[in-house]
Structures are given as C-alpha cells and as structure tokens.
C-alpha cells in the first residue's frame, strides 16, 4: 500500500437508538476523522 491509497477499516459504530444522523458532528483534524456524538440524558419526571 502506498501512502496515497485510501485505508478503510470497515468499522461500524453503534451510538444509540435515539441518536439521529443530524445530531452527529464529524470533523477531519490532522488526518483523523473525529465524531462528536451527544450523550443520552435521562429525563427526570417529577
């Protein structure tokens, strides 16, 4: 593999059932793909 070939690890991540695609914030930084995924918060009903 040359340094110009794309690498694909084929990784699938499960981030939760209630997470929408629009909630995930991707960014490419220093050659690394970083994903910001919101934490699930439990609502307290009083």
Protein backbone atom coordinates (compact mmCIF):
# COMPACT_ATOMS: atom_id res chain seq x y z
CA UNK A 1 0.00 0.00 0.00
CA UNK A 2 1.40 3.36 -0.97
CA UNK A 3 0.95 6.43 1.18
CA UNK A 4 -1.64 7.75 -1.31
CA UNK A 5 -4.02 4.80 -1.10
CA UNK A 6 -7.14 5.15 0.97
CA UNK A 7 -7.47 2.91 4.01
CA UNK A 8 -10.85 1.55 5.01
CA UNK A 9 -11.15 -0.32 8.29
CA UNK A 10 -14.84 -1.09 7.74
CA UNK A 11 -15.73 -0.12 11.30
CA UNK A 12 -19.39 0.20 12.28
CA UNK A 13 -20.20 2.07 15.49
CA UNK A 14 -23.45 1.81 17.42
CA UNK A 15 -24.16 5.16 19.09
CA UNK A 16 -27.64 4.53 20.46
CA UNK A 17 -31.20 4.11 19.36
CA UNK A 18 -32.32 7.72 19.79
CA UNK A 19 -29.40 9.41 18.02
CA UNK A 20 -30.23 10.96 14.65
CA UNK A 21 -27.69 11.42 11.86
CA UNK A 22 -28.10 15.20 12.10
CA UNK A 23 -27.00 15.07 15.78
CA UNK A 24 -23.56 13.63 14.94
CA UNK A 25 -20.94 16.31 14.24
CA UNK A 26 -17.98 14.99 12.18
CA UNK A 27 -14.70 16.82 11.66
CA UNK A 28 -11.45 15.88 9.97
CA UNK A 29 -8.48 17.04 12.03
CA UNK A 30 -4.79 16.25 11.48
CA UNK A 31 -5.59 13.25 9.29
CA UNK A 32 -8.08 11.78 11.78
CA UNK A 33 -11.85 11.66 11.49
CA UNK A 34 -13.42 12.71 14.79
CA UNK A 35 -17.10 12.32 15.61
CA UNK A 36 -18.94 14.27 18.28
CA UNK A 37 -21.96 12.29 19.46
CA UNK A 38 -24.39 13.65 22.07
CA UNK A 39 -24.69 11.76 25.33
CA UNK A 40 -28.04 10.23 26.17
CA UNK A 41 -29.58 12.03 29.11
CA UNK A 42 -32.35 10.57 31.18
CA UNK A 43 -35.26 12.91 31.73
CA UNK A 44 -36.48 13.13 35.29
CA UNK A 45 -40.24 13.39 35.62
CA UNK A 46 -41.43 14.80 38.92
